[in-house]
Structures are given as structure tokens and as C-alpha cells.
Amino acid sequence: MNEKLVRIGTTYIPVTDVSKSSDWYVTKLGAIRNYQDDDKAILDLANQSIFLVKSTHNENANFIDSNGFERFSITFEVNGLPALEALHKTLKEQEVQVGEIENRGHAGRNFVFSDRDGNKFDVWSELSTVFKEKYNIK
């Protein structure tokens, strides 16, 4: 097989109320809503298509790691520590559930936040080199 996976095109996130969750992502994270019906919403967020899919109660995208900690499955990137700190502050002001900014022993800093259904997401202060080169970001 000569073809290689190039990118992740769509991420599916379980939500209990498509309308309320879609509004949350638009209002809190600046997503662009492209489509919505009773079962799903299609959003543009962070250069990716995000599908919010109606699920049963208490369903989310998190998982338990081998040490028993609940983990996120998506890390968003911002361009540098000042951008991370500004986003952290904004989300807190919007009353989003946000963890503290962490030093995890690698380049950059991170924090975790949750949506209205308890889906956890990570934010990292370092943009990937390939993304920077592609979009000519310094």
C-alpha cells in the first residue's frame, strides 16, 4: 500500500443535547456551525470538522488510562504560552470547567477543559512544525 493517512478529517463527539451543545461550542470555542438536525451538528473548529452526535446519557469521549485516570482523546494547539494563558483566562471567565496550566515535563504547557457533557479536551501551547510551515506561522 503506497497511500498514507494524511490528516484526521472528522472527529465525532457524543453529546446529550445537540442544540445546546452546538450553541456551547459556537459560543465558548468559536466553532462555526455548518449543519444541525436533531441527531447531529457539524462544526468547523480548529481546522477540523467536528460532529456532535446525540448519544445516550452519561456517554462521553473520555477513557480511563492504565493508572486509573480519566483522560482526554483530543489535544488542541495554540501558538505559544501567551495564547494558552489568554485562552485559559477566557474559558474561566465563560465559566467553562478548566484545569490549571500544567508543566508536564515536555516543551510547552497544557491545560484540560471540559464541555457541557463532560468530554475532556487538552490544550497545548506549541503548534506543530508542519502546521506552522504550511500556514506560514512564526
N, C-alpha and C. Protein backbone atom coordinates (compact mmCIF):
# COMPACT_ATOMS: atom_id res chain seq x y z
N MET A 1 0.84 -1.17 0.00
CA MET A 1 0.00 0.00 0.00
C MET A 1 0.89 1.24 0.00
N ASN A 2 0.76 2.07 -1.00
CA ASN A 2 1.59 3.27 -1.12
C ASN A 2 0.95 4.50 -0.50
N GLU A 3 -0.35 4.46 -0.31
CA GLU A 3 -1.06 5.61 0.26
C GLU A 3 -0.83 5.67 1.76
N LYS A 4 -0.75 6.89 2.28
CA LYS A 4 -0.57 7.10 3.71
C LYS A 4 -1.69 7.98 4.22
N LEU A 5 -2.04 7.80 5.46
CA LEU A 5 -3.02 8.69 6.07
C LEU A 5 -2.42 10.09 6.12
N VAL A 6 -3.17 11.08 5.72
CA VAL A 6 -2.66 12.44 5.62
C VAL A 6 -3.10 13.30 6.79
N ARG A 7 -4.35 13.18 7.20
CA ARG A 7 -4.85 14.01 8.29
C ARG A 7 -6.10 13.39 8.86
N ILE A 8 -6.51 13.87 10.01
CA ILE A 8 -7.80 13.49 10.56
C ILE A 8 -8.80 14.50 10.04
N GLY A 9 -9.81 14.05 9.35
CA GLY A 9 -10.78 14.95 8.74
C GLY A 9 -11.94 15.28 9.64
N THR A 10 -12.41 14.30 10.41
CA THR A 10 -13.59 14.50 11.24
C THR A 10 -13.40 13.81 12.59
N THR A 11 -13.83 14.48 13.62
CA THR A 11 -13.87 13.90 14.96
C THR A 11 -15.33 13.89 15.41
N TYR A 12 -15.76 12.77 15.97
CA TYR A 12 -17.13 12.63 16.46
C TYR A 12 -17.12 12.73 17.98
N ILE A 13 -17.99 13.59 18.51
CA ILE A 13 -18.06 13.81 19.95
C ILE A 13 -19.49 13.54 20.41
N PRO A 14 -19.67 12.63 21.39
CA PRO A 14 -21.01 12.35 21.88
C PRO A 14 -21.53 13.47 22.77
N VAL A 15 -22.81 13.84 22.56
CA VAL A 15 -23.46 14.86 23.36
C VAL A 15 -24.89 14.42 23.65
N THR A 16 -25.45 14.92 24.73
CA THR A 16 -26.83 14.53 25.07
C THR A 16 -27.87 15.44 24.44
N ASP A 17 -27.53 16.70 24.19
CA ASP A 17 -28.46 17.65 23.58
C ASP A 17 -27.72 18.38 22.47
N VAL A 18 -28.00 18.00 21.23
CA VAL A 18 -27.27 18.54 20.08
C VAL A 18 -27.38 20.06 20.01
N SER A 19 -28.57 20.58 20.20
CA SER A 19 -28.77 22.03 20.08
C SER A 19 -27.99 22.80 21.14
N LYS A 20 -28.13 22.40 22.40
CA LYS A 20 -27.42 23.10 23.48
C LYS A 20 -25.91 22.95 23.35
N SER A 21 -25.47 21.76 22.98
CA SER A 21 -24.03 21.54 22.83
C SER A 21 -23.47 22.32 21.65
N SER A 22 -24.20 22.35 20.56
CA SER A 22 -23.77 23.11 19.39
C SER A 22 -23.63 24.59 19.74
N ASP A 23 -24.63 25.12 20.45
CA ASP A 23 -24.56 26.51 20.89
C ASP A 23 -23.35 26.73 21.79
N TRP A 24 -23.06 25.76 22.69
CA TRP A 24 -21.91 25.86 23.60
C TRP A 24 -20.61 25.96 22.81
N TYR A 25 -20.42 25.08 21.82
CA TYR A 25 -19.18 25.08 21.03
C TYR A 25 -19.04 26.37 20.22
N VAL A 26 -20.14 26.87 19.71
CA VAL A 26 -20.11 28.12 18.94
C VAL A 26 -19.77 29.29 19.87
N THR A 27 -20.46 29.37 21.00
CA THR A 27 -20.29 30.49 21.92
C THR A 27 -18.97 30.45 22.67
N LYS A 28 -18.62 29.31 23.22
CA LYS A 28 -17.43 29.21 24.09
C LYS A 28 -16.14 29.03 23.32
N LEU A 29 -16.18 28.28 22.20
CA LEU A 29 -14.94 27.94 21.49
C LEU A 29 -14.82 28.60 20.12
N GLY A 30 -15.85 29.30 19.69
CA GLY A 30 -15.78 29.98 18.40
C GLY A 30 -15.96 29.07 17.20
N ALA A 31 -16.57 27.91 17.40
CA ALA A 31 -16.81 26.99 16.28
C ALA A 31 -17.79 27.63 15.30
N ILE A 32 -17.73 27.18 14.07
CA ILE A 32 -18.68 27.61 13.04
C ILE A 32 -19.62 26.43 12.77
N ARG A 33 -20.90 26.69 12.91
CA ARG A 33 -21.91 25.64 12.69
C ARG A 33 -22.27 25.61 11.21
N ASN A 34 -22.07 24.44 10.59
CA ASN A 34 -22.38 24.26 9.17
C ASN A 34 -23.70 23.56 8.93
N TYR A 35 -24.11 22.75 9.89
CA TYR A 35 -25.35 21.98 9.73
C TYR A 35 -25.78 21.51 11.11
N GLN A 36 -27.11 21.39 11.27
CA GLN A 36 -27.62 20.83 12.52
C GLN A 36 -28.99 20.24 12.30
N ASP A 37 -29.23 19.06 12.88
CA ASP A 37 -30.57 18.48 12.95
C ASP A 37 -30.73 17.89 14.35
N ASP A 38 -31.73 17.07 14.57
CA ASP A 38 -31.97 16.54 15.92
C ASP A 38 -30.91 15.55 16.38
N ASP A 39 -30.20 14.93 15.44
CA ASP A 39 -29.25 13.88 15.78
C ASP A 39 -27.78 14.30 15.73
N LYS A 40 -27.49 15.40 15.05
CA LYS A 40 -26.08 15.78 14.91
C LYS A 40 -25.94 17.26 14.56
N ALA A 41 -24.77 17.79 14.84
CA ALA A 41 -24.37 19.11 14.38
C ALA A 41 -22.99 18.96 13.77
N ILE A 42 -22.77 19.66 12.67
CA ILE A 42 -21.47 19.63 12.01
C ILE A 42 -20.84 21.00 12.18
N LEU A 43 -19.67 21.02 12.82
CA LEU A 43 -18.98 22.27 13.14
C LEU A 43 -17.60 22.30 12.51
N ASP A 44 -17.11 23.50 12.21
CA ASP A 44 -15.70 23.71 11.89
C ASP A 44 -15.05 24.26 13.14
N LEU A 45 -14.01 23.59 13.61
CA LEU A 45 -13.30 24.02 14.81
C LEU A 45 -11.85 23.58 14.70
N ALA A 46 -10.94 24.51 14.86
CA ALA A 46 -9.51 24.21 14.88
C ALA A 46 -9.06 23.45 13.63
N ASN A 47 -9.48 23.95 12.46
CA ASN A 47 -9.08 23.36 11.19
C ASN A 47 -9.52 21.91 11.03
N GLN A 48 -10.66 21.58 11.62
CA GLN A 48 -11.18 20.22 11.53
C GLN A 48 -12.70 20.25 11.56
N SER A 49 -13.30 19.22 11.00
CA SER A 49 -14.74 19.06 11.07
C SER A 49 -15.06 18.27 12.33
N ILE A 50 -15.95 18.82 13.15
CA ILE A 50 -16.37 18.18 14.40
C ILE A 50 -17.85 17.84 14.27
N PHE A 51 -18.19 16.57 14.48
CA PHE A 51 -19.58 16.15 14.50
C PHE A 51 -19.99 15.95 15.96
N LEU A 52 -20.98 16.70 16.40
CA LEU A 52 -21.58 16.47 17.71
C LEU A 52 -22.74 15.51 17.46
N VAL A 53 -22.67 14.33 18.04
CA VAL A 53 -23.64 13.28 17.76
C VAL A 53 -24.45 12.98 19.01
N LYS A 54 -25.77 12.99 18.87
CA LYS A 54 -26.66 12.71 20.00
C LYS A 54 -26.38 11.30 20.51
N SER A 55 -26.16 11.21 21.82
CA SER A 55 -25.85 9.93 22.44
C SER A 55 -26.74 9.71 23.65
N THR A 56 -26.57 8.57 24.26
CA THR A 56 -27.32 8.29 25.48
C THR A 56 -26.72 9.06 26.64
N HIS A 57 -27.44 9.18 27.71
CA HIS A 57 -27.00 9.88 28.92
C HIS A 57 -25.69 9.28 29.45
N ASN A 58 -24.80 10.13 29.94
CA ASN A 58 -23.51 9.75 30.55
C ASN A 58 -22.50 9.16 29.57
N GLU A 59 -22.69 9.36 28.29
CA GLU A 59 -21.73 8.92 27.29
C GLU A 59 -20.78 10.07 27.02
N ASN A 60 -19.46 9.80 26.91
CA ASN A 60 -18.53 10.84 26.50
C ASN A 60 -17.32 10.22 25.82
N ALA A 61 -16.41 11.05 25.35
CA ALA A 61 -15.27 10.58 24.57
C ALA A 61 -14.05 10.28 25.44
N ASN A 62 -14.16 10.39 26.74
CA ASN A 62 -13.02 10.16 27.63
C ASN A 62 -12.75 8.66 27.79
N PHE A 63 -11.58 8.35 28.31
CA PHE A 63 -11.25 6.95 28.60
C PHE A 63 -10.41 6.89 29.87
N ILE A 64 -10.33 5.73 30.47
CA ILE A 64 -9.54 5.51 31.68
C ILE A 64 -8.19 4.91 31.28
N ASP A 65 -7.09 5.56 31.69
CA ASP A 65 -5.77 5.04 31.35
C ASP A 65 -5.37 3.90 32.29
N SER A 66 -4.21 3.33 32.08
CA SER A 66 -3.76 2.17 32.85
C SER A 66 -3.53 2.47 34.33
N ASN A 67 -3.43 3.76 34.67
CA ASN A 67 -3.26 4.15 36.07
C ASN A 67 -4.59 4.56 36.73
N GLY A 68 -5.68 4.39 36.00
CA GLY A 68 -7.00 4.67 36.55
C GLY A 68 -7.45 6.12 36.43
N PHE A 69 -6.74 6.94 35.63
CA PHE A 69 -7.11 8.34 35.46
C PHE A 69 -7.97 8.51 34.20
N GLU A 70 -9.00 9.34 34.32
CA GLU A 70 -9.81 9.66 33.15
C GLU A 70 -9.03 10.61 32.25
N ARG A 71 -8.97 10.29 30.97
CA ARG A 71 -8.15 11.04 30.03
C ARG A 71 -8.97 11.59 28.87
N PHE A 72 -8.43 12.58 28.22
CA PHE A 72 -8.99 13.19 27.02
C PHE A 72 -8.49 12.43 25.80
N SER A 73 -9.17 12.60 24.68
CA SER A 73 -8.70 11.96 23.45
C SER A 73 -8.27 12.97 22.39
N ILE A 74 -8.42 14.26 22.68
CA ILE A 74 -8.05 15.31 21.71
C ILE A 74 -7.21 16.37 22.41
N THR A 75 -6.13 16.78 21.76
CA THR A 75 -5.34 17.93 22.20
C THR A 75 -5.41 19.00 21.12
N PHE A 76 -5.89 20.17 21.52
CA PHE A 76 -5.86 21.34 20.63
C PHE A 76 -4.53 22.04 20.83
N GLU A 77 -4.08 22.77 19.81
CA GLU A 77 -2.84 23.53 19.90
C GLU A 77 -3.13 25.01 19.76
N VAL A 78 -2.38 25.83 20.49
CA VAL A 78 -2.39 27.27 20.33
C VAL A 78 -0.96 27.72 20.05
N ASN A 79 -0.79 28.95 19.61
CA ASN A 79 0.53 29.41 19.21
C ASN A 79 1.24 30.14 20.35
N GLY A 80 1.79 29.38 21.27
CA GLY A 80 2.62 29.93 22.32
C GLY A 80 1.94 30.07 23.67
N LEU A 81 2.77 30.27 24.68
CA LEU A 81 2.30 30.38 26.06
C LEU A 81 1.36 31.56 26.27
N PRO A 82 1.63 32.75 25.71
CA PRO A 82 0.67 33.85 25.89
C PRO A 82 -0.73 33.50 25.36
N ALA A 83 -0.80 32.80 24.23
CA ALA A 83 -2.09 32.39 23.67
C ALA A 83 -2.76 31.37 24.58
N LEU A 84 -1.99 30.45 25.14
CA LEU A 84 -2.53 29.46 26.07
C LEU A 84 -3.10 30.15 27.31
N GLU A 85 -2.34 31.08 27.87
CA GLU A 85 -2.79 31.79 29.07
C GLU A 85 -4.04 32.62 28.79
N ALA A 86 -4.11 33.25 27.62
CA ALA A 86 -5.27 34.06 27.26
C ALA A 86 -6.52 33.19 27.08
N LEU A 87 -6.36 32.05 26.42
CA LEU A 87 -7.49 31.14 26.24
C LEU A 87 -7.95 30.59 27.59
N HIS A 88 -7.02 30.22 28.42
CA HIS A 88 -7.33 29.71 29.76
C HIS A 88 -8.17 30.73 30.53
N LYS A 89 -7.74 31.97 30.50
CA LYS A 89 -8.45 33.06 31.19
C LYS A 89 -9.85 33.25 30.62
N THR A 90 -9.96 33.27 29.29
CA THR A 90 -11.25 33.47 28.64
C THR A 90 -12.22 32.35 28.98
N LEU A 91 -11.77 31.11 28.92
CA LEU A 91 -12.64 29.98 29.24
C LEU A 91 -13.11 30.04 30.70
N LYS A 92 -12.20 30.40 31.59
CA LYS A 92 -12.59 30.54 33.00
C LYS A 92 -13.65 31.64 33.16
N GLU A 93 -13.46 32.75 32.48
CA GLU A 93 -14.43 33.85 32.55
C GLU A 93 -15.79 33.43 31.99
N GLN A 94 -15.79 32.50 31.05
CA GLN A 94 -17.03 32.00 30.46
C GLN A 94 -17.63 30.85 31.28
N GLU A 95 -17.02 30.60 32.43
CA GLU A 95 -17.46 29.56 33.36
C GLU A 95 -17.40 28.15 32.78
N VAL A 96 -16.40 27.92 31.92
CA VAL A 96 -16.10 26.59 31.41
C VAL A 96 -15.28 25.88 32.49
N GLN A 97 -15.51 24.59 32.66
CA GLN A 97 -14.72 23.81 33.62
C GLN A 97 -13.30 23.67 33.06
N VAL A 98 -12.34 24.31 33.74
CA VAL A 98 -10.96 24.40 33.25
C VAL A 98 -10.00 23.99 34.37
N GLY A 99 -9.01 23.16 34.02
CA GLY A 99 -7.96 22.80 34.96
C GLY A 99 -6.86 23.84 34.96
N GLU A 100 -5.92 23.67 35.84
CA GLU A 100 -4.78 24.59 35.94
C GLU A 100 -3.80 24.37 34.78
N ILE A 101 -3.04 25.40 34.45
CA ILE A 101 -1.98 25.27 33.46
C ILE A 101 -0.88 24.41 34.08
N GLU A 102 -0.45 23.41 33.32
CA GLU A 102 0.48 22.41 33.83
C GLU A 102 1.81 22.40 33.07
N ASN A 103 2.86 22.06 33.79
CA ASN A 103 4.15 21.72 33.19
C ASN A 103 4.25 20.21 33.25
N ARG A 104 4.18 19.54 32.12
CA ARG A 104 4.20 18.07 32.07
C ARG A 104 5.58 17.51 31.76
N GLY A 105 6.60 18.37 31.81
CA GLY A 105 7.96 17.90 31.60
C GLY A 105 8.39 17.83 30.15
N HIS A 106 7.62 18.39 29.25
CA HIS A 106 8.00 18.47 27.84
C HIS A 106 7.85 19.92 27.40
N ALA A 107 8.16 20.19 26.15
CA ALA A 107 8.06 21.56 25.64
C ALA A 107 6.65 22.09 25.82
N GLY A 108 6.55 23.35 26.17
CA GLY A 108 5.24 24.00 26.28
C GLY A 108 4.51 23.69 27.57
N ARG A 109 3.31 24.20 27.66
CA ARG A 109 2.43 23.99 28.81
C ARG A 109 1.07 23.54 28.30
N ASN A 110 0.29 22.95 29.18
CA ASN A 110 -1.02 22.42 28.83
C ASN A 110 -2.05 22.75 29.90
N PHE A 111 -3.32 22.68 29.50
CA PHE A 111 -4.41 22.61 30.46
C PHE A 111 -5.54 21.80 29.85
N VAL A 112 -6.42 21.32 30.72
CA VAL A 112 -7.55 20.50 30.30
C VAL A 112 -8.83 21.27 30.58
N PHE A 113 -9.79 21.19 29.67
CA PHE A 113 -11.12 21.75 29.91
C PHE A 113 -12.16 20.72 29.49
N SER A 114 -13.40 20.93 29.93
CA SER A 114 -14.49 20.01 29.62
C SER A 114 -15.67 20.76 29.01
N ASP A 115 -16.37 20.09 28.11
CA ASP A 115 -17.59 20.66 27.55
C ASP A 115 -18.76 20.37 28.49
N ARG A 116 -19.97 20.73 28.09
CA ARG A 116 -21.14 20.60 28.96
C ARG A 116 -21.54 19.14 29.21
N ASP A 117 -21.00 18.19 28.40
CA ASP A 117 -21.29 16.77 28.59
C ASP A 117 -20.14 16.03 29.28
N GLY A 118 -19.13 16.77 29.73
CA GLY A 118 -18.01 16.13 30.41
C GLY A 118 -16.93 15.60 29.50
N ASN A 119 -17.03 15.87 28.18
CA ASN A 119 -15.93 15.49 27.28
C ASN A 119 -14.73 16.36 27.61
N LYS A 120 -13.60 15.71 27.91
CA LYS A 120 -12.39 16.44 28.25
C LYS A 120 -11.54 16.69 27.01
N PHE A 121 -10.93 17.87 26.99
CA PHE A 121 -10.02 18.25 25.90
C PHE A 121 -8.77 18.87 26.51
N ASP A 122 -7.65 18.62 25.86
CA ASP A 122 -6.37 19.18 26.27
C ASP A 122 -6.04 20.35 25.35
N VAL A 123 -5.31 21.33 25.87
CA VAL A 123 -4.80 22.43 25.06
C VAL A 123 -3.30 22.51 25.32
N TRP A 124 -2.52 22.58 24.24
CA TRP A 124 -1.06 22.63 24.33
C TRP A 124 -0.59 23.93 23.72
N SER A 125 0.43 24.53 24.29
CA SER A 125 0.92 25.83 23.86
C SER A 125 1.86 25.79 22.65
N GLU A 126 2.05 24.62 22.07
CA GLU A 126 3.01 24.50 20.98
C GLU A 126 2.35 24.03 19.69
N LEU A 127 2.36 24.85 18.66
CA LEU A 127 1.87 24.43 17.34
C LEU A 127 2.87 23.47 16.71
N SER A 128 2.38 22.46 16.01
CA SER A 128 3.28 21.53 15.33
C SER A 128 4.06 22.24 14.24
N THR A 129 5.27 21.80 14.00
CA THR A 129 6.15 22.39 12.99
C THR A 129 5.53 22.33 11.60
N VAL A 130 4.92 21.21 11.25
CA VAL A 130 4.31 21.04 9.93
C VAL A 130 3.18 22.05 9.75
N PHE A 131 2.37 22.26 10.77
CA PHE A 131 1.26 23.22 10.69
C PHE A 131 1.81 24.63 10.54
N LYS A 132 2.83 24.98 11.30
CA LYS A 132 3.44 26.31 11.19
C LYS A 132 3.98 26.56 9.79
N GLU A 133 4.67 25.56 9.25
CA GLU A 133 5.24 25.72 7.90
C GLU A 133 4.13 25.85 6.85
N LYS A 134 3.11 25.01 6.95
CA LYS A 134 2.04 25.03 5.97
C LYS A 134 1.30 26.35 5.93
N TYR A 135 1.07 26.94 7.09
CA TYR A 135 0.30 28.18 7.18
C TYR A 135 1.18 29.41 7.43
N ASN A 136 2.50 29.23 7.28
CA ASN A 136 3.48 30.31 7.41
C ASN A 136 3.28 31.10 8.71
N ILE A 137 3.27 30.36 9.82
CA ILE A 137 3.10 30.96 11.14
C ILE A 137 4.46 31.00 11.83
N LYS A 138 4.78 32.13 12.39
CA LYS A 138 6.06 32.29 13.09
C LYS A 138 5.90 31.99 14.56
